[in-house]
Amino acid sequence: MIENTETYIEWKDITIDNKSRRTYCCNKEISVSPKAYKILEFLIKHPDVVFSREGIIDSVWGNNIQIGHRAIDVHICELRKALKSNGLCGMRIRSARSFGYSIEYQNSECL
């Protein structure tokens, strides 16, 4: 279940602080670019739902922006590295081959 307040979005091990624009996994800050932050925020609001690259672009950049699909792939790669670098985080960004991405929860080692 997603808890969404004005300042925080929390789901499982992830906390997104919209006031400070910081992201935490298992209470450890993970550093991501502003666009990767927005993509993570979007995916966290819709866990386990697969979104097309176009759907992510429309939600993060807006409908009137022309941007290549590879831009999404680059930011997803950045998010995966940031989540993996935490070591304890139970989040996984899953690829739906030739379609898009979703975020899902795996086992966590948070203390």
C-alpha atoms as a PDB file:
ATOM      1  CA  MET A   1       0.000   0.000   0.000  1.00  0.00           C
ATOM      2  CA  ILE A   2       1.242   3.473  -0.850  1.00  0.00           C
ATOM      3  CA  GLU A   3       1.159   6.149   1.801  1.00  0.00           C
ATOM      4  CA  ASN A   4       1.001   9.543   0.123  1.00  0.00           C
ATOM      5  CA  THR A   5       1.115  12.767   2.122  1.00  0.00           C
ATOM      6  CA  GLU A   6       2.019  16.273   1.039  1.00  0.00           C
ATOM      7  CA  THR A   7       5.668  15.824   1.872  1.00  0.00           C
ATOM      8  CA  TYR A   8       6.391  12.097   1.755  1.00  0.00           C
ATOM      9  CA  ILE A   9       5.634   9.147  -0.470  1.00  0.00           C
ATOM     10  CA  GLU A  10       6.410   5.837   1.216  1.00  0.00           C
ATOM     11  CA  TRP A  11       6.172   2.301  -0.128  1.00  0.00           C
ATOM     12  CA  LYS A  12       7.901  -0.664   1.438  1.00  0.00           C
ATOM     13  CA  ASP A  13      11.623   0.265   1.795  1.00  0.00           C
ATOM     14  CA  ILE A  14      11.422   3.516  -0.221  1.00  0.00           C
ATOM     15  CA  THR A  15      10.746   6.995   1.122  1.00  0.00           C
ATOM     16  CA  ILE A  16      10.585   9.972  -1.203  1.00  0.00           C
ATOM     17  CA  ASP A  17      10.799  13.344   0.502  1.00  0.00           C
ATOM     18  CA  ASN A  18       9.236  15.867  -1.875  1.00  0.00           C
ATOM     19  CA  LYS A  19      10.170  18.815   0.303  1.00  0.00           C
ATOM     20  CA  SER A  20      13.919  18.140   0.294  1.00  0.00           C
ATOM     21  CA  ARG A  21      13.821  16.226  -3.046  1.00  0.00           C
ATOM     22  CA  ARG A  22      15.676  13.300  -1.481  1.00  0.00           C
ATOM     23  CA  THR A  23      15.098   9.578  -1.802  1.00  0.00           C
ATOM     24  CA  TYR A  24      15.820   6.933   0.823  1.00  0.00           C
ATOM     25  CA  CYS A  25      15.903   3.156   0.735  1.00  0.00           C
ATOM     26  CA  CYS A  26      16.116   1.411   4.112  1.00  0.00           C
ATOM     27  CA  ASN A  27      16.653   4.881   5.624  1.00  0.00           C
ATOM     28  CA  LYS A  28      19.826   5.320   3.565  1.00  0.00           C
ATOM     29  CA  GLU A  29      19.857   8.153   1.037  1.00  0.00           C
ATOM     30  CA  ILE A  30      20.241   7.224  -2.604  1.00  0.00           C
ATOM     31  CA  SER A  31      21.358   9.873  -5.047  1.00  0.00           C
ATOM     32  CA  VAL A  32      19.580  10.188  -8.399  1.00  0.00           C
ATOM     33  CA  SER A  33      19.173  12.866 -11.071  1.00  0.00           C
ATOM     34  CA  PRO A  34      16.025  15.039 -11.083  1.00  0.00           C
ATOM     35  CA  LYS A  35      14.407  13.077 -13.954  1.00  0.00           C
ATOM     36  CA  ALA A  36      15.267   9.714 -12.394  1.00  0.00           C
ATOM     37  CA  TYR A  37      13.705  11.037  -9.171  1.00  0.00           C
ATOM     38  CA  LYS A  38      10.476  11.857 -11.037  1.00  0.00           C
ATOM     39  CA  ILE A  39      10.427   8.435 -12.723  1.00  0.00           C
ATOM     40  CA  LEU A  40      10.931   6.695  -9.372  1.00  0.00           C
ATOM     41  CA  GLU A  41       8.199   8.831  -7.816  1.00  0.00           C
ATOM     42  CA  PHE A  42       5.828   7.875 -10.651  1.00  0.00           C
ATOM     43  CA  LEU A  43       6.605   4.153 -10.423  1.00  0.00           C
ATOM     44  CA  ILE A  44       6.308   4.119  -6.608  1.00  0.00           C
ATOM     45  CA  LYS A  45       2.831   5.621  -6.882  1.00  0.00           C
ATOM     46  CA  HIS A  46       1.876   2.644  -9.102  1.00  0.00           C
ATOM     47  CA  PRO A  47       3.769  -0.423  -7.818  1.00  0.00           C
ATOM     48  CA  ASP A  48       3.621  -3.670  -9.800  1.00  0.00           C
ATOM     49  CA  VAL A  49       1.996  -1.902 -12.783  1.00  0.00           C
ATOM     50  CA  VAL A  50       3.872  -2.087 -16.083  1.00  0.00           C
ATOM     51  CA  PHE A  51       4.047   1.232 -17.913  1.00  0.00           C
ATOM     52  CA  SER A  52       5.092   1.726 -21.486  1.00  0.00           C
ATOM     53  CA  ARG A  53       7.993   4.024 -22.184  1.00  0.00           C
ATOM     54  CA  GLU A  54       5.484   6.443 -23.759  1.00  0.00           C
ATOM     55  CA  GLY A  55       3.373   6.356 -20.596  1.00  0.00           C
ATOM     56  CA  ILE A  56       6.387   7.170 -18.439  1.00  0.00           C
ATOM     57  CA  ILE A  57       7.455   9.972 -20.797  1.00  0.00           C
ATOM     58  CA  ASP A  58       3.958  11.498 -20.774  1.00  0.00           C
ATOM     59  CA  SER A  59       3.755  11.312 -16.973  1.00  0.00           C
ATOM     60  CA  VAL A  60       7.243  12.662 -16.254  1.00  0.00           C
ATOM     61  CA  TRP A  61       7.966  15.039 -19.144  1.00  0.00           C
ATOM     62  CA  GLY A  62       4.412  15.839 -20.310  1.00  0.00           C
ATOM     63  CA  ASN A  63       2.419  15.097 -23.452  1.00  0.00           C
ATOM     64  CA  ASN A  64       3.956  17.699 -25.745  1.00  0.00           C
ATOM     65  CA  ILE A  65       7.589  16.625 -25.414  1.00  0.00           C
ATOM     66  CA  GLN A  66       9.389  14.650 -28.100  1.00  0.00           C
ATOM     67  CA  ILE A  67      11.968  12.468 -26.417  1.00  0.00           C
ATOM     68  CA  GLY A  68      13.468   9.152 -27.449  1.00  0.00           C
ATOM     69  CA  HIS A  69      12.769   5.900 -25.645  1.00  0.00           C
ATOM     70  CA  ARG A  70      16.454   5.530 -24.883  1.00  0.00           C
ATOM     71  CA  ALA A  71      16.204   8.476 -22.477  1.00  0.00           C
ATOM     72  CA  ILE A  72      13.916   6.367 -20.282  1.00  0.00           C
ATOM     73  CA  ASP A  73      16.308   3.422 -20.525  1.00  0.00           C
ATOM     74  CA  VAL A  74      19.219   5.609 -19.394  1.00  0.00           C
ATOM     75  CA  HIS A  75      17.300   6.895 -16.344  1.00  0.00           C
ATOM     76  CA  ILE A  76      16.084   3.382 -15.467  1.00  0.00           C
ATOM     77  CA  CYS A  77      19.694   2.187 -15.585  1.00  0.00           C
ATOM     78  CA  GLU A  78      20.630   5.022 -13.216  1.00  0.00           C
ATOM     79  CA  LEU A  79      17.817   4.045 -10.818  1.00  0.00           C
ATOM     80  CA  ARG A  80      18.816   0.394 -10.870  1.00  0.00           C
ATOM     81  CA  LYS A  81      22.416   1.272 -10.025  1.00  0.00           C
ATOM     82  CA  ALA A  82      21.311   3.585  -7.197  1.00  0.00           C
ATOM     83  CA  LEU A  83      19.000   0.957  -5.690  1.00  0.00           C
ATOM     84  CA  LYS A  84      21.622  -1.776  -6.057  1.00  0.00           C
ATOM     85  CA  SER A  85      24.338   0.395  -4.486  1.00  0.00           C
ATOM     86  CA  ASN A  86      22.254   0.529  -1.315  1.00  0.00           C
ATOM     87  CA  GLY A  87      22.785  -3.209  -0.910  1.00  0.00           C
ATOM     88  CA  LEU A  88      19.814  -3.696   1.408  1.00  0.00           C
ATOM     89  CA  CYS A  89      17.020  -2.270  -0.691  1.00  0.00           C
ATOM     90  CA  GLY A  90      14.310  -4.731  -1.696  1.00  0.00           C
ATOM     91  CA  MET A  91      13.147  -2.738  -4.720  1.00  0.00           C
ATOM     92  CA  ARG A  92      13.589  -3.964  -8.268  1.00  0.00           C
ATOM     93  CA  ILE A  93      12.773  -2.209 -11.523  1.00  0.00           C
ATOM     94  CA  ARG A  94      11.526  -4.906 -13.857  1.00  0.00           C
ATOM     95  CA  SER A  95      11.689  -4.734 -17.649  1.00  0.00           C
ATOM     96  CA  ALA A  96       8.684  -5.768 -19.697  1.00  0.00           C
ATOM     97  CA  ARG A  97      10.558  -6.676 -22.860  1.00  0.00           C
ATOM     98  CA  SER A  98       9.906  -4.324 -25.787  1.00  0.00           C
ATOM     99  CA  PHE A  99       7.295  -2.456 -23.748  1.00  0.00           C
ATOM    100  CA  GLY A 100       8.322  -0.677 -20.565  1.00  0.00           C
ATOM    101  CA  TYR A 101       8.988  -0.953 -16.849  1.00  0.00           C
ATOM    102  CA  SER A 102       7.485  -1.535 -13.417  1.00  0.00           C
ATOM    103  CA  ILE A 103       8.774  -1.418  -9.872  1.00  0.00           C
ATOM    104  CA  GLU A 104       8.311  -4.371  -7.594  1.00  0.00           C
ATOM    105  CA  TYR A 105       9.283  -5.437  -4.124  1.00  0.00           C
ATOM    106  CA  GLN A 106      11.582  -8.335  -3.381  1.00  0.00           C
ATOM    107  CA  ASN A 107      13.040  -9.468  -0.092  1.00  0.00           C
ATOM    108  CA  SER A 108      14.463  -6.702   2.049  1.00  0.00           C
ATOM    109  CA  GLU A 109      17.280  -6.786   4.532  1.00  0.00           C
ATOM    110  CA  CYS A 110      16.340  -3.502   6.205  1.00  0.00           C
ATOM    111  CA  LEU A 111      16.949  -3.478   9.903  1.00  0.00           C
END
